[in-house]
Amino acid sequence: MKEMITYLNFDGNTREAMEFYHRCLGGELRMSPFSEVKMDVPPEAKDRIVHSKLTVGSSTLMGSDTLPGMPFESGNNFHICLSCESAEETERLFTALGDRGRVTMPLQDMFWGARFGMVVDRFGVSWMFNYEKGK
């Protein structure tokens, strides 16, 4: 595994939160609104953030907004994202951590060029799995 990353979810204020963390922590911040990706989203979600990444040295904090109407509960709005080194490792970790848990997004190829999926493990911890395919 390359790294473990904390991933935060917000209900429409990712831009504000990530800019705050950037001011506090420094580093490099990148954000992409839903309007920049090929996804069918409601018009009121176009300015929400589909993906953000704050890199400070070797540390990474990621975040995104939920879509309007999606369940959101402050305090449970985080994931541990595993950045995997191969498709095989991604599948193995996804299966292992999902054992007796709940798949919330099956592993699939995504628009950003990665294999991605999500599970909630048997202890209620939310995990993301991301394998960046070579270009």
Foldseek 3Di string as FASTA:
>chain_A
DLDKAKEFEDAQCPVVVVVVVCVVQPADKDWDFCLVDPDDADPVRRRWTPKMWGDDPPHIYMYGYDGPPDDDDPPLGMAIEDADADPVVLVVVCCVQQVCWAWPFDFDQDPVQWTKTWIQGPVRHIYIYTYRDDD
